[in-house]
Amino acid sequence: MDIGQLVGDIRIPRLELFLPELIVLITAFMLFTLDLVLSTRLKRVVLPSLSAIGYVLALMSVGITIQFQGNTFYGTFTNDYLGILVKVFVLIITLTVLAFSYKYYEAKNSFYGEFYYMLAFTLLGAMILASSYNLIIIYVSLELVSIGFYILTALLRGSFISKEGAFKYLILGGLSIALASYGAVFMYIYSGSIDLRGILSYSGQDYHYLILGLVLFLIGFAIKIGAVPFHFWLPDAYQGAPTPVTALMASVGKLVFFIPVVRIMPLIQDKFSVAWMLTVGVIAAATMLYGNLVALVQRDIKRLLAYSSIAHSGYILAAVAVTKEIGLKAVIYFLLVYTVMAAGSFFVVAMLERAEGWNNEIREFSGLRFSLPYLAFSFLVYMFALLGVPPTVGFVGKALVFMALSFDGLWWLAFIMILSTAISTGYYVRLIVLMYMKDREKNVTIMGKSYAELVSLVFLTLLTVALAVVPGVIWQLLSPAASMLFVR
């Protein structure tokens, strides 16, 4: 091939499809450069402000990309309804993480300029991961998100558990990437394609490589989402990380790590529907039961919420096992609303950690309504949402999963889901009883609350209720995404 032919084959990428990611990429490099040249005093003002401006512009540009759907970069990047929906939630949650980070790191005396550009690169990886079927792009974006989380977890000055959590996360994260990579290799050997749609639509004679590849690929993602028995890293990493970062991992991380599985869910079910239902169903049941049972005996609130996060991976996996379109809709809905519930609950803890003498012990929630009524009320709403009490998004999410299971005749899994939810009542209601029915353990005062924090908290609390009161809003948005994926 001569140079003329090579140049002639080059296609100009459709950058309008990649506009939000491009804005975040530019923001990340600007933050990186400014972190090198600015004084510490200026960094404290410029880096958070520039991050916020970049993310708001990216969020606005997502609206523009709705009219420009399709593939670009030689089919490796796909801008569709699902990707757009995920990017909206990912950007909103990252903006709220920014709002809670400034005061948190100030109180912990742990300001690092690296936090802002690592957050931007992590966000970039998450947005790309939400928009690709290509194995190489999925690998690169998965690494970008994971490396960002490893570093952000360790950014707490003088904290041993922060470093320990980051180290465990790094080891298990490396294992998950290795397994997913081996899985990708076997899938390529089977089909000769690196596009997941091409791999799963290929009709080869020998399915062994495909099955082995899929198993390894999915185990890699199971580690990332904390599904049992691949969950060991999660409680330590969640407890050790700075709490705004824990919120990011529990919300944005869980959302985008599930998306590649969601994208190929109908394609896998087409080939292996019975094996898929049984395997995913068993993992979902074990994850729900284990997460909720272990959460019952936790004394540290971050570890309790970490095990709650494991249990919620089980609820989402239960819907993943369903082979009908309603299952896909339930998965997408639950993933989106869980980002709001999980982020909100960890943000409350992030604010409480700034109170003098606060040690994240559950007993310290006693009588919180007397000291901080607005914070207690927000936490009450998040606990009700995580438990699945109406009128919150958690209730609608669990009702959808139950409905999807019943449509597919998975009654045994629906029963385990109800049993798990009943078990979870023990620790969610315990926190509510401590806050509202017990005398105060201590007078909790948070110094230096910012307007950005309060506005974000009110916004997320309202969203937790509003998306349940008018579920049609989000349903109208996710229905085209689910219908587009569920083509048989």
Protein backbone atom coordinates (compact mmCIF):
# COMPACT_ATOMS: atom_id res chain seq x y z
CA MET A 1 0.00 0.00 0.00
CA ASP A 2 1.51 3.36 -1.04
CA ILE A 3 1.30 6.55 0.98
CA GLY A 4 -1.36 8.04 -1.31
CA GLN A 5 -3.65 5.08 -0.81
CA LEU A 6 -2.96 5.12 2.94
CA VAL A 7 -3.83 8.81 3.17
CA GLY A 8 -6.89 8.27 0.99
CA ASP A 9 -8.19 5.62 3.41
CA ILE A 10 -8.00 7.99 6.37
CA ARG A 11 -11.47 9.14 7.35
CA ILE A 12 -11.99 12.38 9.21
CA PRO A 13 -13.48 11.56 12.65
CA ARG A 14 -16.89 12.97 13.48
CA LEU A 15 -15.77 15.10 16.40
CA GLU A 16 -19.31 16.30 17.06
CA LEU A 17 -20.02 12.81 18.46
CA PHE A 18 -16.98 13.06 20.75
CA LEU A 19 -17.57 16.66 21.88
CA PRO A 20 -18.25 16.07 25.63
CA GLU A 21 -15.23 13.77 25.91
CA LEU A 22 -13.11 16.29 24.00
CA ILE A 23 -14.06 19.06 26.44
CA VAL A 24 -13.21 16.86 29.44
CA LEU A 25 -9.92 15.84 27.79
CA ILE A 26 -8.92 19.48 27.23
CA THR A 27 -9.97 20.32 30.79
CA ALA A 28 -7.84 17.47 32.15
CA PHE A 29 -4.72 18.63 30.29
CA MET A 30 -5.28 22.24 31.34
CA LEU A 31 -5.61 21.13 34.97
CA PHE A 32 -2.45 19.05 34.65
CA THR A 33 -0.49 21.99 33.21
CA LEU A 34 -1.79 24.51 35.73
CA ASP A 35 -0.97 22.15 38.59
CA LEU A 36 2.66 22.30 37.47
CA VAL A 37 2.97 26.07 37.13
CA LEU A 38 0.66 27.65 39.72
CA SER A 39 1.43 28.32 43.35
CA THR A 40 -0.44 26.25 45.95
CA ARG A 41 -2.54 29.25 46.93
CA LEU A 42 -3.70 29.84 43.35
CA LYS A 43 -4.29 26.13 42.74
CA ARG A 44 -6.86 26.04 45.54
CA VAL A 45 -8.97 28.55 43.63
CA VAL A 46 -8.19 27.88 39.97
CA LEU A 47 -8.28 24.07 39.81
CA PRO A 48 -11.76 23.53 41.34
CA SER A 49 -13.20 26.44 39.34
CA LEU A 50 -11.73 25.27 36.04
CA SER A 51 -12.90 21.71 36.72
CA ALA A 52 -16.46 22.90 37.36
CA ILE A 53 -16.49 25.07 34.20
CA GLY A 54 -15.18 22.19 32.09
CA TYR A 55 -17.75 19.71 33.41
CA VAL A 56 -20.65 22.15 32.97
CA LEU A 57 -19.58 22.79 29.36
CA ALA A 58 -19.30 19.03 28.79
CA LEU A 59 -22.77 18.52 30.27
CA MET A 60 -24.19 21.19 27.97
CA SER A 61 -22.46 19.63 24.97
CA VAL A 62 -24.11 16.25 25.70
CA GLY A 63 -27.39 17.91 24.71
CA ILE A 64 -25.86 18.85 21.35
CA THR A 65 -24.67 15.30 20.65
CA ILE A 66 -28.23 13.90 20.91
CA GLN A 67 -28.85 14.96 17.31
CA PHE A 68 -25.55 13.46 16.08
CA GLN A 69 -25.79 9.79 16.98
CA GLY A 70 -23.66 7.15 15.29
CA ASN A 71 -20.13 5.73 15.18
CA THR A 72 -16.80 7.45 14.69
CA PHE A 73 -13.06 6.71 14.97
CA TYR A 74 -13.51 3.76 12.60
CA GLY A 75 -16.45 2.39 14.59
CA THR A 76 -14.60 2.24 17.89
CA PHE A 77 -16.68 4.98 19.54
CA THR A 78 -20.48 4.87 19.57
CA ASN A 79 -22.68 7.78 20.53
CA ASP A 80 -26.18 6.44 21.24
CA TYR A 81 -29.06 6.94 23.67
CA LEU A 82 -27.51 4.73 26.35
CA GLY A 83 -24.15 6.49 26.20
CA ILE A 84 -25.81 9.91 26.32
CA LEU A 85 -27.95 8.98 29.32
CA VAL A 86 -24.98 7.58 31.22
CA LYS A 87 -22.84 10.65 30.46
CA VAL A 88 -25.50 12.98 31.87
CA PHE A 89 -25.54 11.13 35.21
CA VAL A 90 -21.77 10.69 35.30
CA LEU A 91 -21.16 14.40 34.74
CA ILE A 92 -23.77 15.47 37.30
CA ILE A 93 -22.35 13.18 39.98
CA THR A 94 -18.77 14.30 39.24
CA LEU A 95 -19.85 17.92 39.62
CA THR A 96 -21.31 17.10 43.04
CA VAL A 97 -18.09 15.27 43.98
CA LEU A 98 -16.27 18.52 43.25
CA ALA A 99 -18.68 20.40 45.50
CA PHE A 100 -18.00 18.11 48.47
CA SER A 101 -14.27 17.67 47.90
CA TYR A 102 -12.97 21.16 48.57
CA LYS A 103 -14.03 21.48 52.20
CA TYR A 104 -13.35 17.81 52.85
CA TYR A 105 -9.71 17.96 51.78
CA GLU A 106 -9.29 21.30 53.54
CA ALA A 107 -10.51 19.74 56.80
CA LYS A 108 -8.24 16.72 56.30
CA ASN A 109 -5.29 18.96 55.41
CA SER A 110 -4.84 16.89 52.25
CA PHE A 111 -5.02 19.30 49.34
CA TYR A 112 -3.43 17.78 46.25
CA GLY A 113 -3.57 19.41 42.81
CA GLU A 114 -3.36 15.89 41.41
CA PHE A 115 -6.88 15.23 42.66
CA TYR A 116 -8.43 17.55 40.07
CA TYR A 117 -6.70 16.30 36.95
CA MET A 118 -6.93 12.65 38.04
CA LEU A 119 -10.66 13.20 38.60
CA ALA A 120 -10.94 14.64 35.07
CA PHE A 121 -9.03 11.73 33.49
CA THR A 122 -11.16 9.25 35.46
CA LEU A 123 -14.29 11.00 34.20
CA LEU A 124 -12.95 10.86 30.64
CA GLY A 125 -12.36 7.10 30.95
CA ALA A 126 -15.86 6.62 32.36
CA MET A 127 -17.46 8.53 29.48
CA ILE A 128 -15.55 6.57 26.83
CA LEU A 129 -16.26 3.26 28.59
CA ALA A 130 -19.96 4.08 28.32
CA SER A 131 -19.70 4.51 24.55
CA SER A 132 -17.82 1.62 23.05
CA TYR A 133 -18.16 -1.97 21.86
CA ASN A 134 -14.50 -2.19 20.86
CA LEU A 135 -12.38 -4.46 23.07
CA ILE A 136 -9.26 -2.29 22.83
CA ILE A 137 -11.14 0.91 23.64
CA ILE A 138 -12.93 -0.83 26.52
CA TYR A 139 -9.55 -2.02 27.85
CA VAL A 140 -7.95 1.43 27.60
CA SER A 141 -10.90 3.28 29.14
CA LEU A 142 -11.23 0.63 31.87
CA GLU A 143 -7.57 1.18 32.74
CA LEU A 144 -8.05 4.95 32.72
CA VAL A 145 -10.93 4.72 35.19
CA SER A 146 -9.19 2.11 37.35
CA ILE A 147 -5.84 3.92 37.59
CA GLY A 148 -7.70 7.09 38.48
CA PHE A 149 -9.51 5.29 41.29
CA TYR A 150 -6.28 3.71 42.63
CA ILE A 151 -4.58 7.10 42.86
CA LEU A 152 -7.62 8.97 44.19
CA THR A 153 -8.08 6.31 46.89
CA ALA A 154 -4.57 6.92 48.19
CA LEU A 155 -4.83 10.75 48.27
CA LEU A 156 -5.41 11.14 52.00
CA ARG A 157 -2.39 12.51 53.79
CA GLY A 158 -1.12 10.44 56.73
CA SER A 159 -3.85 7.80 56.49
CA PHE A 160 -2.69 4.19 56.63
CA ILE A 161 -6.10 2.75 55.74
CA SER A 162 -6.20 4.98 52.66
CA LYS A 163 -2.92 3.51 51.39
CA GLU A 164 -3.97 -0.01 52.42
CA GLY A 165 -7.32 0.35 50.59
CA ALA A 166 -5.57 1.68 47.48
CA PHE A 167 -3.07 -1.19 47.54
CA LYS A 168 -5.78 -3.86 47.82
CA TYR A 169 -7.77 -2.16 45.10
CA LEU A 170 -4.67 -2.04 42.88
CA ILE A 171 -3.94 -5.76 43.31
CA LEU A 172 -7.51 -6.93 42.70
CA GLY A 173 -8.02 -4.31 40.00
CA GLY A 174 -4.91 -5.57 38.20
CA LEU A 175 -6.28 -9.11 38.40
CA SER A 176 -9.61 -8.04 36.94
CA ILE A 177 -7.92 -6.24 34.04
CA ALA A 178 -5.73 -9.29 33.36
CA LEU A 179 -8.72 -11.65 33.32
CA ALA A 180 -10.75 -9.34 31.10
CA SER A 181 -7.76 -9.05 28.73
CA TYR A 182 -7.33 -12.83 28.50
CA GLY A 183 -11.06 -13.07 27.84
CA ALA A 184 -10.74 -10.54 25.03
CA VAL A 185 -7.91 -12.56 23.49
CA PHE A 186 -9.96 -15.77 23.43
CA MET A 187 -12.93 -13.94 21.93
CA TYR A 188 -10.65 -12.56 19.21
CA ILE A 189 -9.28 -16.05 18.51
CA TYR A 190 -12.87 -17.28 18.12
CA SER A 191 -14.16 -14.60 15.77
CA GLY A 192 -11.22 -12.60 14.40
CA SER A 193 -13.04 -9.42 15.50
CA ILE A 194 -12.42 -6.95 18.30
CA ASP A 195 -15.95 -5.56 18.19
CA LEU A 196 -18.26 -7.18 20.75
CA ARG A 197 -21.22 -7.02 18.34
CA GLY A 198 -19.16 -8.74 15.66
CA ILE A 199 -17.89 -11.38 18.10
CA LEU A 200 -21.32 -12.31 19.44
CA SER A 201 -23.02 -12.31 16.03
CA TYR A 202 -20.27 -14.53 14.51
CA SER A 203 -21.39 -18.10 13.89
CA GLY A 204 -18.28 -20.17 14.43
CA GLN A 205 -18.18 -23.95 14.70
CA ASP A 206 -16.23 -24.17 17.96
CA TYR A 207 -17.79 -22.25 20.84
CA HIS A 208 -15.14 -23.22 23.40
CA TYR A 209 -12.99 -20.14 22.82
CA LEU A 210 -16.05 -17.89 22.93
CA ILE A 211 -17.32 -19.42 26.19
CA LEU A 212 -13.88 -19.25 27.82
CA GLY A 213 -13.41 -15.69 26.60
CA LEU A 214 -16.81 -14.56 27.85
CA VAL A 215 -16.34 -16.20 31.25
CA LEU A 216 -12.96 -14.50 31.80
CA PHE A 217 -14.22 -11.18 30.43
CA LEU A 218 -17.26 -11.22 32.73
CA ILE A 219 -15.25 -12.31 35.79
CA GLY A 220 -13.05 -9.26 35.18
CA PHE A 221 -16.11 -7.02 35.35
CA ALA A 222 -17.56 -8.98 38.31
CA ILE A 223 -14.46 -8.02 40.31
CA LYS A 224 -14.94 -4.38 39.35
CA ILE A 225 -18.57 -4.27 40.46
CA GLY A 226 -17.88 -6.21 43.67
CA ALA A 227 -20.01 -9.27 42.94
CA VAL A 228 -19.59 -12.24 45.30
CA PRO A 229 -17.14 -14.06 45.41
CA PHE A 230 -14.99 -11.32 43.81
CA HIS A 231 -15.79 -8.57 46.32
CA PHE A 232 -12.92 -8.74 48.86
CA TRP A 233 -11.26 -5.49 47.84
CA LEU A 234 -14.41 -3.37 48.04
CA PRO A 235 -15.03 -2.76 51.79
CA ASP A 236 -11.38 -1.86 52.45
CA ALA A 237 -11.12 0.40 49.40
CA TYR A 238 -14.41 2.16 50.20
CA GLN A 239 -13.43 2.64 53.85
CA GLY A 240 -9.90 3.82 53.11
CA ALA A 241 -10.64 6.23 50.26
CA PRO A 242 -11.42 9.90 50.92
CA THR A 243 -15.21 9.84 51.26
CA PRO A 244 -16.03 12.02 48.19
CA VAL A 245 -13.89 9.54 46.20
CA THR A 246 -15.81 6.65 47.77
CA ALA A 247 -18.99 8.34 46.54
CA LEU A 248 -17.49 8.53 43.05
CA MET A 249 -16.47 4.86 43.11
CA ALA A 250 -19.85 3.69 44.43
CA SER A 251 -21.87 5.69 41.91
CA VAL A 252 -19.94 6.51 38.73
CA GLY A 253 -17.69 3.46 39.05
CA LYS A 254 -20.54 0.98 39.47
CA LEU A 255 -22.54 2.60 36.66
CA VAL A 256 -19.85 2.54 33.98
CA PHE A 257 -18.40 -0.86 34.95
CA PHE A 258 -21.83 -2.35 34.31
CA ILE A 259 -22.36 -0.67 30.92
CA PRO A 260 -20.23 -3.02 28.73
CA VAL A 261 -22.14 -5.94 30.29
CA VAL A 262 -25.45 -4.17 29.63
CA ARG A 263 -24.47 -3.54 26.01
CA ILE A 264 -23.77 -7.21 25.27
CA MET A 265 -26.47 -8.62 27.55
CA PRO A 266 -29.08 -9.30 24.80
CA LEU A 267 -26.40 -10.66 22.46
CA ILE A 268 -25.11 -13.18 25.01
CA GLN A 269 -28.62 -14.19 26.02
CA ASP A 270 -29.36 -14.88 22.37
CA LYS A 271 -26.70 -17.62 22.35
CA PHE A 272 -26.69 -18.90 25.93
CA SER A 273 -30.00 -17.86 27.50
CA VAL A 274 -30.42 -20.82 29.93
CA ALA A 275 -26.78 -20.88 31.09
CA TRP A 276 -26.83 -17.09 31.40
CA MET A 277 -29.98 -17.02 33.56
CA LEU A 278 -28.68 -19.73 35.87
CA THR A 279 -25.10 -18.43 36.25
CA VAL A 280 -25.95 -14.76 36.67
CA GLY A 281 -28.93 -15.64 38.86
CA VAL A 282 -26.81 -17.67 41.29
CA ILE A 283 -24.14 -14.92 41.50
CA ALA A 284 -26.89 -12.31 42.03
CA ALA A 285 -28.49 -14.34 44.83
CA ALA A 286 -25.15 -14.90 46.60
CA THR A 287 -24.24 -11.22 46.24
CA MET A 288 -27.57 -9.97 47.63
CA LEU A 289 -27.55 -12.33 50.62
CA TYR A 290 -23.87 -11.93 51.50
CA GLY A 291 -23.87 -8.13 51.19
CA ASN A 292 -26.93 -7.67 53.38
CA LEU A 293 -26.01 -10.28 56.02
CA VAL A 294 -22.49 -8.89 56.53
CA ALA A 295 -23.77 -5.30 56.57
CA LEU A 296 -25.88 -6.20 59.62
CA VAL A 297 -22.83 -6.60 61.86
CA GLN A 298 -20.84 -3.55 60.73
CA ARG A 299 -19.98 -0.78 63.18
CA ASP A 300 -18.33 1.59 60.73
CA ILE A 301 -20.75 3.51 58.51
CA LYS A 302 -18.49 3.44 55.44
CA ARG A 303 -18.09 -0.32 55.68
CA LEU A 304 -21.83 -0.68 56.17
CA LEU A 305 -22.49 1.34 53.01
CA ALA A 306 -19.81 -0.67 51.22
CA TYR A 307 -21.60 -3.94 51.96
CA SER A 308 -24.85 -2.25 50.99
CA SER A 309 -23.17 -1.45 47.66
CA ILE A 310 -22.26 -5.14 47.25
CA ALA A 311 -25.87 -6.09 47.92
CA HIS A 312 -27.06 -3.58 45.32
CA SER A 313 -24.73 -5.13 42.76
CA GLY A 314 -26.75 -8.28 43.44
CA TYR A 315 -30.08 -6.51 42.81
CA ILE A 316 -28.76 -5.15 39.51
CA LEU A 317 -27.34 -8.56 38.52
CA ALA A 318 -30.74 -10.11 39.23
CA ALA A 319 -32.20 -7.92 36.49
CA VAL A 320 -29.21 -8.72 34.25
CA ALA A 321 -30.24 -12.40 34.43
CA VAL A 322 -33.62 -11.60 32.82
CA THR A 323 -33.73 -12.40 29.11
CA LYS A 324 -36.58 -10.05 28.18
CA GLU A 325 -36.47 -6.35 27.28
CA ILE A 326 -38.04 -5.40 30.61
CA GLY A 327 -34.92 -6.78 32.29
CA LEU A 328 -32.72 -4.45 30.28
CA LYS A 329 -34.89 -1.48 31.20
CA ALA A 330 -34.81 -2.47 34.88
CA VAL A 331 -31.01 -2.70 34.80
CA ILE A 332 -30.56 0.71 33.19
CA TYR A 333 -33.08 2.37 35.53
CA PHE A 334 -31.61 0.82 38.67
CA LEU A 335 -28.06 1.71 37.62
CA LEU A 336 -28.94 5.35 36.98
CA VAL A 337 -30.90 5.92 40.17
CA TYR A 338 -28.40 4.00 42.29
CA THR A 339 -25.77 6.59 41.35
CA VAL A 340 -27.92 9.23 43.04
CA MET A 341 -28.70 7.18 46.18
CA ALA A 342 -25.14 5.97 46.70
CA ALA A 343 -23.48 9.33 46.04
CA GLY A 344 -25.92 11.15 48.34
CA SER A 345 -25.41 8.77 51.27
CA PHE A 346 -21.61 8.99 51.06
CA PHE A 347 -21.74 12.79 50.73
CA VAL A 348 -23.61 12.98 54.06
CA VAL A 349 -20.83 10.91 55.65
CA ALA A 350 -18.22 13.18 54.00
CA MET A 351 -19.78 16.19 55.72
CA LEU A 352 -20.05 14.41 59.08
CA GLU A 353 -16.38 13.49 58.95
CA ARG A 354 -15.56 17.19 59.29
CA ALA A 355 -17.23 17.33 62.69
CA GLU A 356 -14.86 17.34 65.65
CA GLY A 357 -14.41 13.89 67.20
CA TRP A 358 -16.41 12.08 64.49
CA ASN A 359 -15.09 8.52 63.93
CA ASN A 360 -17.63 7.12 61.44
CA GLU A 361 -19.07 4.79 64.08
CA ILE A 362 -22.74 3.95 63.68
CA ARG A 363 -23.57 4.78 67.30
CA GLU A 364 -22.55 8.40 66.61
CA PHE A 365 -25.73 8.80 64.53
CA SER A 366 -27.75 8.75 67.78
CA GLY A 367 -29.88 11.87 67.98
CA LEU A 368 -28.38 13.39 64.86
CA ARG A 369 -31.70 15.08 64.13
CA PHE A 370 -31.13 17.38 67.10
CA SER A 371 -27.68 18.51 66.00
CA LEU A 372 -28.05 18.55 62.20
CA PRO A 373 -31.73 18.12 61.22
CA TYR A 374 -31.25 18.82 57.49
CA LEU A 375 -28.39 16.30 57.24
CA ALA A 376 -30.35 13.70 59.23
CA PHE A 377 -33.34 14.17 56.92
CA SER A 378 -31.23 13.76 53.77
CA PHE A 379 -29.67 10.61 55.19
CA LEU A 380 -33.15 9.34 56.10
CA VAL A 381 -34.26 9.77 52.47
CA TYR A 382 -31.18 7.94 51.16
CA MET A 383 -31.63 5.09 53.64
CA PHE A 384 -35.30 4.72 52.64
CA ALA A 385 -34.23 4.78 48.98
CA LEU A 386 -31.54 2.14 49.46
CA LEU A 387 -34.03 0.00 51.40
CA GLY A 388 -36.65 0.46 48.67
CA VAL A 389 -39.38 2.36 50.52
CA PRO A 390 -41.88 4.50 48.54
CA PRO A 391 -41.87 7.23 47.38
CA THR A 392 -38.18 6.95 46.52
CA VAL A 393 -36.26 5.80 43.45
CA GLY A 394 -35.10 2.70 45.30
CA PHE A 395 -38.70 1.45 45.52
CA VAL A 396 -39.29 1.94 41.79
CA GLY A 397 -35.96 0.30 40.96
CA LYS A 398 -36.64 -2.80 43.06
CA ALA A 399 -40.24 -3.00 41.83
CA LEU A 400 -38.97 -2.98 38.23
CA VAL A 401 -36.45 -5.72 38.96
CA PHE A 402 -39.16 -7.81 40.66
CA MET A 403 -41.49 -7.28 37.70
CA ALA A 404 -38.74 -8.26 35.25
CA LEU A 405 -38.00 -11.45 37.23
CA SER A 406 -41.68 -12.38 37.27
CA PHE A 407 -41.95 -11.85 33.48
CA ASP A 408 -39.15 -14.37 32.97
CA GLY A 409 -40.44 -16.85 35.57
CA LEU A 410 -37.43 -16.38 37.85
CA TRP A 411 -39.53 -16.69 41.00
CA TRP A 412 -36.76 -18.28 43.08
CA LEU A 413 -34.56 -15.24 42.44
CA ALA A 414 -37.46 -12.87 43.17
CA PHE A 415 -37.98 -14.66 46.52
CA ILE A 416 -34.28 -14.28 47.41
CA MET A 417 -34.47 -10.63 46.45
CA ILE A 418 -37.42 -10.09 48.84
CA LEU A 419 -35.62 -12.04 51.56
CA SER A 420 -32.46 -9.95 51.07
CA THR A 421 -34.45 -6.73 51.22
CA ALA A 422 -36.05 -7.92 54.46
CA ILE A 423 -32.59 -8.61 55.91
CA SER A 424 -31.39 -5.16 54.86
CA THR A 425 -34.22 -3.60 56.86
CA GLY A 426 -32.21 -4.44 59.97
CA TYR A 427 -29.35 -2.05 59.32
CA TYR A 428 -31.14 0.69 57.36
CA VAL A 429 -33.92 1.03 59.97
CA ARG A 430 -31.34 0.83 62.77
CA LEU A 431 -29.68 3.99 61.43
CA ILE A 432 -33.04 5.77 61.15
CA VAL A 433 -34.00 4.73 64.69
CA LEU A 434 -30.66 6.01 66.00
CA MET A 435 -31.10 9.38 64.31
CA TYR A 436 -34.76 9.97 65.16
CA MET A 437 -35.64 7.89 68.25
CA LYS A 438 -32.52 8.03 70.40
CA ASP A 439 -30.97 10.74 72.50
CA ARG A 440 -27.98 12.43 71.02
CA GLU A 441 -24.65 10.69 71.53
CA LYS A 442 -22.77 13.96 71.16
CA ASN A 443 -23.31 17.44 69.83
CA VAL A 444 -22.24 17.29 66.19
CA THR A 445 -21.21 20.57 64.58
CA ILE A 446 -19.82 20.98 61.09
CA MET A 447 -17.74 24.07 60.53
CA GLY A 448 -17.50 25.92 57.25
CA LYS A 449 -20.35 24.44 55.22
CA SER A 450 -20.31 25.68 51.63
CA TYR A 451 -23.27 26.68 49.48
CA ALA A 452 -22.10 24.25 46.80
CA GLU A 453 -22.40 21.38 49.28
CA LEU A 454 -25.83 22.39 50.50
CA VAL A 455 -27.19 22.96 46.99
CA SER A 456 -25.80 19.60 45.84
CA LEU A 457 -27.29 17.82 48.85
CA VAL A 458 -30.72 19.37 48.31
CA PHE A 459 -30.54 18.58 44.58
CA LEU A 460 -29.67 14.90 45.11
CA THR A 461 -32.26 14.48 47.87
CA LEU A 462 -34.99 15.98 45.67
CA LEU A 463 -33.84 13.85 42.75
CA THR A 464 -34.11 10.71 44.93
CA VAL A 465 -37.80 11.44 45.41
CA ALA A 466 -38.67 13.22 42.16
CA LEU A 467 -37.44 10.42 39.89
CA ALA A 468 -39.78 8.07 41.77
CA VAL A 469 -42.81 10.39 41.84
CA VAL A 470 -42.55 10.99 38.09
CA PRO A 471 -40.73 7.85 36.87
CA GLY A 472 -42.07 8.48 33.37
CA VAL A 473 -39.40 11.14 32.83
CA ILE A 474 -36.47 8.77 33.09
CA TRP A 475 -38.51 5.93 31.58
CA GLN A 476 -39.04 7.96 28.40
CA LEU A 477 -35.28 8.46 28.17
CA LEU A 478 -34.20 4.88 28.86
CA SER A 479 -36.84 3.15 26.72
CA PRO A 480 -35.20 4.08 23.37
CA ALA A 481 -31.82 2.99 24.77
CA ALA A 482 -33.15 -0.41 25.87
CA SER A 483 -35.11 -0.94 22.64
CA MET A 484 -32.04 -0.09 20.55
CA LEU A 485 -29.93 -2.68 22.41
CA PHE A 486 -32.61 -5.36 22.51
CA VAL A 487 -32.62 -6.23 18.80
CA ARG A 488 -33.28 -9.92 18.09
